[in-house]
Amino acid sequence: RLVALGEGFPNDPDLGSAEALLAAVPDDGLLLIDGLAFGVMDCWAELHGGRLRLYALVHHPLALETGLPERVRAEFSMRETKALAQVRGVVVTSAVTAGELVENFGVPRDRIEIAMPGSDPVPLASGSGAAPCILSVGSLTRRKGHDVLVAALAGLQDLSWTCRIVGNPAFDPAFALELERQILDHGLGDRVILAGEVKDARQEFAGADIFALASRYEGYGMVFAEALAHGLPIVGCAAGAVPDVVPPAAGLLVPPDDTEAFALALRRLLTEQDLRSSMADAAAIAGAALPSWRETAATVASFLEGRA
C-alpha cells in the first residue's frame, strides 16, 4: 500500500510524521521509500534498518539540487550516504543516477536496479494552430532553468511565438517571484504565461508546438519523456540523464546555463519548419518506444522479490 510522507522538500514536521508512520511497520516489513524523504531519514534508517527490508527509490540525490548553500549540500550528501548504507537495494530511474550513487554515495552497483519511469499512450500534440506555442513544464525552482528560458526568449522577440511555463511555485517562492519579475523586466508579460501547477498536463502538451526546458540537472526527466510521447520537438540541456532520454533526432540539447545557445536552438525550431517537423516525427517514434508503467512496475517488483 501507498503511504504519503508529505509534499515537496522534506521539513522537520513532515519528517517526524513520516518516521512515526514507518516505525509502526511490523518487523520484516518491506518498504520502498522515495528518496525525497529517505535522503534525510538517516537516523531513522540506522535505528530500524536491521528489522525491516528497506529499499530506496532515488530520482536524483538531494545534494544535487541547484542553488543549495554548500553547508546544506554537504549535509544532504552525508545524510543520504548514511541512509543508503542501511538499504538492501536501490531503484533508480537512469544509468546516470546509478553511476552517481556508486561513485559518490558508496552504493554497490549490484544493489542498484535501473527502472525507467513508464509512459502512458497519449494522442500526438495537435499544436496551437496560431503562433507556435513553446511549452515548459517543471516546478519553479532554480534547477529547472526557467530563468535561462526566459532570458533566451527575450532575444527572440522578433519572431512569432507564445510560451506557457507550467509548474508549482511553492517549492521556491523567492525564485518564482524572481522569475515573474524577469518576465516583466524583459517586456514579455503578454507572451510568457506562468500557468502554475495543473493536475493533468496532457492538455498543455496537446496544444504545444515545441517543448523547452533548460534544466541544470535531471536524474531522468519525466517531462522530456512526456514531450516525446506527445511528439513534440525538444530544446533542452545536455545535463544529467537528459541526453539518455532525448534522442539527437528528436531535440536540440545545449550546454546548461548557455542562454545564447538555448536561444539559437529555439530560433532554429521556430524558423526551420522542416527541422521542426522531422524532430516531431522522431519524437513520436521515440515516445512510442518508451516503457509502459506495467513494464516499469514489473522491473521493480522483480528486483524487490529477488532480494527479499
Protein backbone atom coordinates (compact mmCIF):
# COMPACT_ATOMS: atom_id res chain seq x y z
CA ARG A 1 0.00 0.00 0.00
CA LEU A 2 0.99 3.61 -0.50
CA VAL A 3 1.77 5.90 2.44
CA ALA A 4 2.02 9.66 1.87
CA LEU A 5 5.05 11.20 3.57
CA GLY A 6 4.34 14.86 2.80
CA GLU A 7 4.86 17.03 -0.27
CA GLY A 8 7.89 18.78 -1.65
CA PHE A 9 11.27 19.09 0.01
CA PRO A 10 11.30 17.41 3.46
CA ASN A 11 10.88 19.58 6.52
CA ASP A 12 11.03 18.73 10.23
CA PRO A 13 7.26 18.28 10.87
CA ASP A 14 6.83 16.09 7.78
CA LEU A 15 9.93 14.12 8.66
CA GLY A 16 8.70 13.46 12.19
CA SER A 17 5.31 12.27 10.91
CA ALA A 18 6.94 10.06 8.28
CA GLU A 19 9.26 8.43 10.80
CA ALA A 20 6.37 7.75 13.17
CA LEU A 21 4.34 6.12 10.40
CA LEU A 22 7.18 3.93 9.23
CA ALA A 23 8.33 2.99 12.73
CA ALA A 24 4.94 1.31 13.19
CA VAL A 25 5.62 -1.15 10.34
CA PRO A 26 5.98 -4.69 11.78
CA ASP A 27 9.33 -6.47 11.76
CA ASP A 28 10.42 -7.85 8.38
CA GLY A 29 8.08 -5.45 6.57
CA LEU A 30 9.17 -4.48 3.06
CA LEU A 31 9.40 -0.73 2.45
CA LEU A 32 10.29 1.13 -0.74
CA ILE A 33 10.77 4.75 0.32
CA ASP A 34 11.04 7.70 -2.07
CA GLY A 35 14.40 9.40 -1.92
CA LEU A 36 12.93 12.86 -1.43
CA ALA A 37 12.10 11.73 2.11
CA PHE A 38 14.56 8.88 2.61
CA GLY A 39 17.58 11.05 1.85
CA VAL A 40 17.22 12.76 5.23
CA MET A 41 15.94 9.73 7.18
CA ASP A 42 19.43 8.53 8.09
CA CYS A 43 18.83 8.37 11.85
CA TRP A 44 15.56 6.50 11.39
CA ALA A 45 17.18 4.11 8.89
CA GLU A 46 20.03 3.31 11.27
CA LEU A 47 17.50 2.60 14.03
CA HIS A 48 15.10 0.43 12.00
CA GLY A 49 17.16 -0.86 9.08
CA GLY A 50 18.06 -4.06 10.85
CA ARG A 51 14.46 -5.18 11.42
CA LEU A 52 12.92 -4.07 8.12
CA ARG A 53 13.54 -4.87 4.44
CA LEU A 54 14.41 -1.35 3.34
CA TYR A 55 14.68 -0.16 -0.26
CA ALA A 56 15.09 3.36 -1.61
CA LEU A 57 13.77 4.92 -4.81
CA VAL A 58 16.22 7.63 -5.89
CA HIS A 59 15.38 10.03 -8.72
CA HIS A 60 18.49 12.05 -8.02
CA PRO A 61 20.39 12.72 -4.77
CA LEU A 62 19.12 15.65 -2.72
CA ALA A 63 22.58 17.24 -2.68
CA LEU A 64 22.37 17.79 -6.45
CA GLU A 65 19.53 20.29 -6.19
CA THR A 66 20.72 23.54 -7.79
CA GLY A 67 21.24 26.58 -5.61
CA LEU A 68 21.81 24.89 -2.25
CA PRO A 69 24.29 26.56 0.11
CA GLU A 70 27.47 24.48 0.38
CA ARG A 71 26.73 23.69 4.03
CA VAL A 72 23.30 22.30 3.17
CA ARG A 73 24.64 20.39 0.16
CA ALA A 74 27.33 18.73 2.29
CA GLU A 75 24.79 17.82 4.98
CA PHE A 76 22.40 16.29 2.44
CA SER A 77 25.23 14.30 0.89
CA MET A 78 26.37 12.96 4.25
CA ARG A 79 22.87 12.08 5.43
CA GLU A 80 21.82 10.38 2.20
CA THR A 81 25.03 8.34 2.17
CA LYS A 82 24.29 7.14 5.71
CA ALA A 83 20.66 6.37 4.88
CA LEU A 84 21.54 4.40 1.74
CA ALA A 85 24.03 2.31 3.72
CA GLN A 86 21.03 0.75 5.52
CA VAL A 87 19.07 -0.46 2.48
CA ARG A 88 19.02 -3.85 0.77
CA GLY A 89 18.71 -2.24 -2.63
CA VAL A 90 18.08 0.98 -4.54
CA VAL A 91 15.79 1.61 -7.51
CA VAL A 92 16.93 4.45 -9.77
CA THR A 93 15.41 5.97 -12.88
CA SER A 94 18.53 6.21 -15.04
CA ALA A 95 22.05 4.93 -15.57
CA VAL A 96 23.31 8.42 -14.73
CA THR A 97 21.81 8.23 -11.23
CA ALA A 98 23.14 4.70 -10.78
CA GLY A 99 26.64 5.91 -11.57
CA GLU A 100 26.26 8.85 -9.22
CA LEU A 101 25.29 6.58 -6.32
CA VAL A 102 28.19 4.21 -6.96
CA GLU A 103 30.79 6.94 -7.36
CA ASN A 104 29.75 9.41 -4.67
CA PHE A 105 27.40 7.66 -2.24
CA GLY A 106 29.07 4.33 -1.68
CA VAL A 107 26.25 2.14 -3.03
CA PRO A 108 27.50 -1.14 -4.58
CA ARG A 109 26.41 -1.49 -8.21
CA ASP A 110 24.89 -4.92 -7.59
CA ARG A 111 22.40 -3.35 -5.17
CA ILE A 112 21.02 -0.98 -7.80
CA GLU A 113 18.22 -1.60 -10.29
CA ILE A 114 17.53 0.83 -13.14
CA ALA A 115 13.79 1.17 -13.81
CA MET A 116 12.93 3.87 -16.33
CA PRO A 117 9.62 5.56 -15.47
CA GLY A 118 6.67 4.36 -17.50
CA SER A 119 4.71 6.28 -20.08
CA ASP A 120 1.02 6.15 -20.88
CA PRO A 121 -0.10 6.21 -24.54
CA VAL A 122 -1.32 9.70 -25.46
CA PRO A 123 -2.51 11.40 -28.64
CA LEU A 124 0.12 13.35 -30.54
CA ALA A 125 0.10 17.09 -29.98
CA SER A 126 -2.10 19.00 -32.39
CA GLY A 127 -0.33 22.32 -31.86
CA SER A 128 -1.60 25.80 -31.13
CA GLY A 129 -2.97 26.49 -34.60
CA ALA A 130 -1.62 30.05 -34.39
CA ALA A 131 1.74 31.42 -33.31
CA PRO A 132 3.94 28.48 -32.24
CA CYS A 133 3.39 27.66 -28.58
CA ILE A 134 6.53 26.85 -26.57
CA LEU A 135 5.71 24.73 -23.52
CA SER A 136 7.89 24.33 -20.45
CA VAL A 137 6.87 22.07 -17.58
CA GLY A 138 8.67 21.90 -14.25
CA SER A 139 8.44 23.24 -10.72
CA LEU A 140 9.60 26.84 -10.42
CA THR A 141 12.97 26.03 -8.90
CA ARG A 142 16.41 27.14 -9.98
CA ARG A 143 17.39 23.62 -11.11
CA LYS A 144 14.71 23.67 -13.80
CA GLY A 145 16.34 26.64 -15.53
CA HIS A 146 13.21 28.63 -16.37
CA ASP A 147 15.33 31.77 -15.94
CA VAL A 148 17.52 30.60 -18.83
CA LEU A 149 14.44 30.00 -20.97
CA VAL A 150 13.05 33.48 -20.28
CA ALA A 151 16.42 35.11 -20.99
CA ALA A 152 16.60 33.18 -24.26
CA LEU A 153 13.08 34.23 -25.24
CA ALA A 154 13.99 37.86 -24.60
CA GLY A 155 16.29 37.64 -27.60
CA LEU A 156 13.62 36.14 -29.84
CA GLN A 157 11.05 38.92 -29.73
CA ASP A 158 11.41 39.45 -33.47
CA LEU A 159 9.73 36.06 -34.02
CA SER A 160 6.13 34.97 -33.58
CA TRP A 161 5.59 32.68 -30.56
CA THR A 162 3.91 32.32 -27.18
CA CYS A 163 5.20 30.46 -24.14
CA ARG A 164 3.50 28.70 -21.26
CA ILE A 165 5.51 27.73 -18.16
CA VAL A 166 3.62 25.14 -16.12
CA GLY A 167 4.93 24.44 -12.63
CA ASN A 168 4.34 24.71 -8.91
CA PRO A 169 5.77 27.96 -7.46
CA ALA A 170 5.58 26.73 -3.84
CA PHE A 171 8.91 24.86 -3.72
CA ASP A 172 10.96 28.06 -4.05
CA PRO A 173 8.72 31.13 -3.72
CA ALA A 174 11.68 33.52 -3.90
CA PHE A 175 12.79 32.11 -7.24
CA ALA A 176 9.20 32.09 -8.53
CA LEU A 177 8.95 35.81 -7.72
CA GLU A 178 12.33 36.43 -9.35
CA LEU A 179 11.10 34.67 -12.48
CA GLU A 180 7.93 36.76 -12.58
CA ARG A 181 9.99 39.94 -12.32
CA GLN A 182 12.36 38.74 -15.03
CA ILE A 183 9.44 38.22 -17.41
CA LEU A 184 8.13 41.71 -16.76
CA ASP A 185 11.59 43.32 -16.98
CA HIS A 186 12.05 41.84 -20.46
CA GLY A 187 8.63 43.10 -21.54
CA LEU A 188 7.34 39.55 -22.04
CA GLY A 189 4.27 39.75 -19.84
CA ASP A 190 1.89 39.30 -22.76
CA ARG A 191 3.84 36.41 -24.34
CA VAL A 192 5.12 34.30 -21.43
CA ILE A 193 2.44 32.90 -19.11
CA LEU A 194 3.22 31.41 -15.71
CA ALA A 195 0.36 28.92 -15.64
CA GLY A 196 1.03 27.50 -12.17
CA GLU A 197 0.53 23.86 -11.29
CA VAL A 198 -2.00 21.75 -13.18
CA LYS A 199 -3.42 18.38 -12.16
CA ASP A 200 -3.10 16.92 -15.64
CA ALA A 201 -0.62 18.46 -18.06
CA ARG A 202 -1.77 16.44 -21.08
CA GLN A 203 -3.90 19.30 -22.34
CA GLU A 204 -0.88 21.60 -22.13
CA PHE A 205 1.24 19.18 -24.16
CA ALA A 206 -1.58 18.65 -26.67
CA GLY A 207 -1.73 22.37 -27.51
CA ALA A 208 2.01 22.94 -27.79
CA ASP A 209 4.31 23.07 -30.81
CA ILE A 210 7.72 22.93 -29.08
CA PHE A 211 8.82 21.69 -25.66
CA ALA A 212 11.63 23.63 -23.98
CA LEU A 213 13.17 23.10 -20.55
CA ALA A 214 16.63 24.37 -19.57
CA SER A 215 17.19 22.06 -16.59
CA ARG A 216 20.58 22.34 -14.98
CA TYR A 217 20.32 18.70 -13.88
CA GLU A 218 17.85 15.83 -14.25
CA GLY A 219 18.10 12.38 -12.72
CA TYR A 220 15.79 11.22 -15.51
CA GLY A 221 13.47 13.95 -16.79
CA MET A 222 9.93 12.62 -16.98
CA VAL A 223 8.61 15.72 -18.71
CA PHE A 224 11.04 15.12 -21.56
CA ALA A 225 9.60 11.61 -21.93
CA GLU A 226 6.10 13.11 -21.89
CA ALA A 227 7.10 15.54 -24.61
CA LEU A 228 8.38 12.64 -26.72
CA ALA A 229 5.16 10.71 -26.17
CA HIS A 230 3.22 13.72 -27.48
CA GLY A 231 5.51 14.03 -30.49
CA LEU A 232 6.96 17.41 -29.58
CA PRO A 233 10.39 18.58 -30.80
CA ILE A 234 12.55 19.46 -27.81
CA VAL A 235 15.04 22.10 -26.76
CA GLY A 236 16.88 21.19 -23.57
CA CYS A 237 20.27 20.99 -21.91
CA ALA A 238 22.77 18.15 -22.01
CA ALA A 239 22.61 17.76 -18.24
CA GLY A 240 22.29 14.62 -16.13
CA ALA A 241 20.18 11.96 -17.84
CA VAL A 242 18.54 14.26 -20.40
CA PRO A 243 20.79 13.07 -23.28
CA ASP A 244 19.79 9.48 -22.45
CA VAL A 245 16.09 10.35 -22.71
CA VAL A 246 16.07 12.69 -25.72
CA PRO A 247 17.44 11.18 -28.96
CA PRO A 248 19.51 13.55 -31.12
CA ALA A 249 16.94 13.30 -33.90
CA ALA A 250 14.15 14.49 -31.59
CA GLY A 251 15.69 17.54 -29.99
CA LEU A 252 18.45 20.09 -29.71
CA LEU A 253 20.46 19.86 -26.48
CA VAL A 254 22.86 22.62 -25.49
CA PRO A 255 25.22 23.13 -22.52
CA PRO A 256 23.50 24.09 -19.21
CA ASP A 257 23.31 27.82 -18.45
CA ASP A 258 24.19 28.77 -22.05
CA THR A 259 21.46 31.30 -22.79
CA GLU A 260 22.82 32.15 -26.22
CA ALA A 261 22.92 28.52 -27.34
CA PHE A 262 19.44 27.89 -25.95
CA ALA A 263 18.09 30.90 -27.83
CA LEU A 264 19.76 29.75 -31.06
CA ALA A 265 18.23 26.28 -30.71
CA LEU A 266 14.78 27.77 -30.17
CA ARG A 267 15.25 30.10 -33.13
CA ARG A 268 16.07 27.13 -35.36
CA LEU A 269 12.90 25.27 -34.39
CA LEU A 270 10.80 28.41 -34.76
CA THR A 271 12.14 29.30 -38.21
CA GLU A 272 13.07 25.95 -39.80
CA GLN A 273 9.75 24.22 -40.40
CA ASP A 274 11.34 21.12 -41.96
CA LEU A 275 13.57 20.65 -38.92
CA ARG A 276 10.66 21.08 -36.54
CA SER A 277 8.58 18.55 -38.47
CA SER A 278 11.37 15.96 -38.67
CA MET A 279 12.11 16.29 -34.96
CA ALA A 280 8.41 15.98 -34.14
CA ASP A 281 8.31 12.73 -36.14
CA ALA A 282 11.43 11.42 -34.39
CA ALA A 283 9.99 12.38 -31.01
CA ALA A 284 6.80 10.43 -31.72
CA ILE A 285 8.81 7.34 -32.68
CA ALA A 286 10.94 7.60 -29.54
CA GLY A 287 7.87 8.21 -27.40
CA ALA A 288 6.17 5.09 -28.73
CA ALA A 289 9.21 3.04 -27.70
CA LEU A 290 9.17 4.18 -24.06
CA PRO A 291 8.36 1.50 -21.47
CA SER A 292 4.83 1.24 -20.14
CA TRP A 293 4.06 1.64 -16.45
CA ARG A 294 3.27 -2.09 -16.38
CA GLU A 295 6.78 -2.85 -17.62
CA THR A 296 8.33 -0.47 -15.09
CA ALA A 297 6.30 -1.98 -12.26
CA ALA A 298 7.36 -5.49 -13.31
CA THR A 299 11.03 -4.45 -13.25
CA VAL A 300 10.70 -3.00 -9.74
CA ALA A 301 8.67 -5.95 -8.43
CA SER A 302 11.18 -8.46 -9.80
CA PHE A 303 14.03 -6.59 -8.12
CA LEU A 304 12.28 -6.45 -4.76
CA GLU A 305 11.20 -10.07 -4.86
CA GLY A 306 14.62 -11.26 -5.97
CA ARG A 307 16.33 -9.62 -3.00
CA ALA A 308 13.65 -10.26 -0.35
